[in-house]
């Protein structure tokens, strides 16, 4: 990730942590940013996968009701 995106991601992490009032020790902050960077890279990979117009979401599994005697 380039420096501009890295700075934007770090700012996002700081804002998110502030929003949810979640304290993070200063020495752990780089690891949190690193994990967000990994998640963003995974999302980019998934979003880059082309889907045709005929692609539909999988049906939702709904288990049958179990009757207990």
Protein backbone atom coordinates (compact mmCIF):
# COMPACT_ATOMS: atom_id res chain seq x y z
CA UNK A 1 0.00 0.00 0.00
CA UNK A 2 1.38 3.43 -0.87
CA UNK A 3 2.04 6.15 1.71
CA UNK A 4 -1.10 8.15 0.85
CA UNK A 5 -3.40 5.15 1.25
CA UNK A 6 -1.50 4.08 4.36
CA UNK A 7 -2.05 7.50 5.93
CA UNK A 8 -5.74 7.37 5.01
CA UNK A 9 -6.09 3.90 6.50
CA UNK A 10 -4.32 4.96 9.69
CA UNK A 11 -6.64 7.98 9.96
CA UNK A 12 -9.64 5.68 9.44
CA UNK A 13 -8.45 3.32 12.19
CA UNK A 14 -7.91 6.25 14.56
CA UNK A 15 -11.38 7.62 13.83
CA UNK A 16 -13.03 4.20 14.22
CA UNK A 17 -11.28 3.56 17.53
CA UNK A 18 -12.34 6.99 18.77
CA UNK A 19 -15.91 6.46 17.59
CA UNK A 20 -16.33 3.24 19.54
CA UNK A 21 -14.24 4.54 22.46
CA UNK A 22 -11.81 1.63 22.19
CA UNK A 23 -8.41 2.38 23.66
CA UNK A 24 -5.40 0.76 21.99
CA UNK A 25 -1.92 0.87 23.43
CA UNK A 26 0.34 3.03 21.23
CA UNK A 27 2.73 0.13 20.63
CA UNK A 28 -0.13 -2.02 19.27
CA UNK A 29 -1.57 0.61 16.90
CA UNK A 30 0.72 -0.34 13.97
CA UNK A 31 -0.52 -3.94 14.21
CA UNK A 32 -4.15 -2.82 14.15
CA UNK A 33 -3.46 -0.71 11.06
CA UNK A 34 -1.63 -3.66 9.48
CA UNK A 35 -4.65 -5.94 9.99
CA UNK A 36 -6.98 -3.34 8.48
CA UNK A 37 -4.59 -3.12 5.52
CA UNK A 38 -4.76 -6.90 5.09
CA UNK A 39 -8.57 -6.83 5.27
CA UNK A 40 -8.67 -4.05 2.66
CA UNK A 41 -6.39 -6.07 0.35
CA UNK A 42 -8.64 -9.11 0.69
CA UNK A 43 -11.70 -6.97 -0.07
CA UNK A 44 -10.01 -5.53 -3.18
CA UNK A 45 -9.30 -9.07 -4.40
CA UNK A 46 -12.92 -10.13 -3.92
CA UNK A 47 -14.34 -6.98 -5.48
CA UNK A 48 -12.09 -7.38 -8.52
CA UNK A 49 -13.59 -10.78 -9.34
CA UNK A 50 -15.95 -10.36 -12.28
CA UNK A 51 -19.49 -11.65 -11.84
CA UNK A 52 -21.85 -12.10 -14.72
CA UNK A 53 -25.36 -10.72 -14.75
CA UNK A 54 -26.72 -14.23 -14.19
CA UNK A 55 -24.89 -14.59 -10.84
CA UNK A 56 -27.29 -14.86 -7.94
CA UNK A 57 -26.70 -15.14 -4.22
CA UNK A 58 -26.93 -18.58 -2.68
CA UNK A 59 -30.21 -19.41 -0.98
CA UNK A 60 -30.42 -18.85 2.76
CA UNK A 61 -30.35 -22.06 4.77
CA UNK A 62 -33.38 -22.31 7.06
CA UNK A 63 -33.42 -25.45 9.21
CA UNK A 64 -36.74 -27.22 9.61
CA UNK A 65 -38.50 -26.73 12.89
CA UNK A 66 -37.75 -29.56 15.31
CA UNK A 67 -40.69 -30.86 17.28
CA UNK A 68 -39.88 -32.21 20.69
CA UNK A 69 -42.42 -34.73 22.00
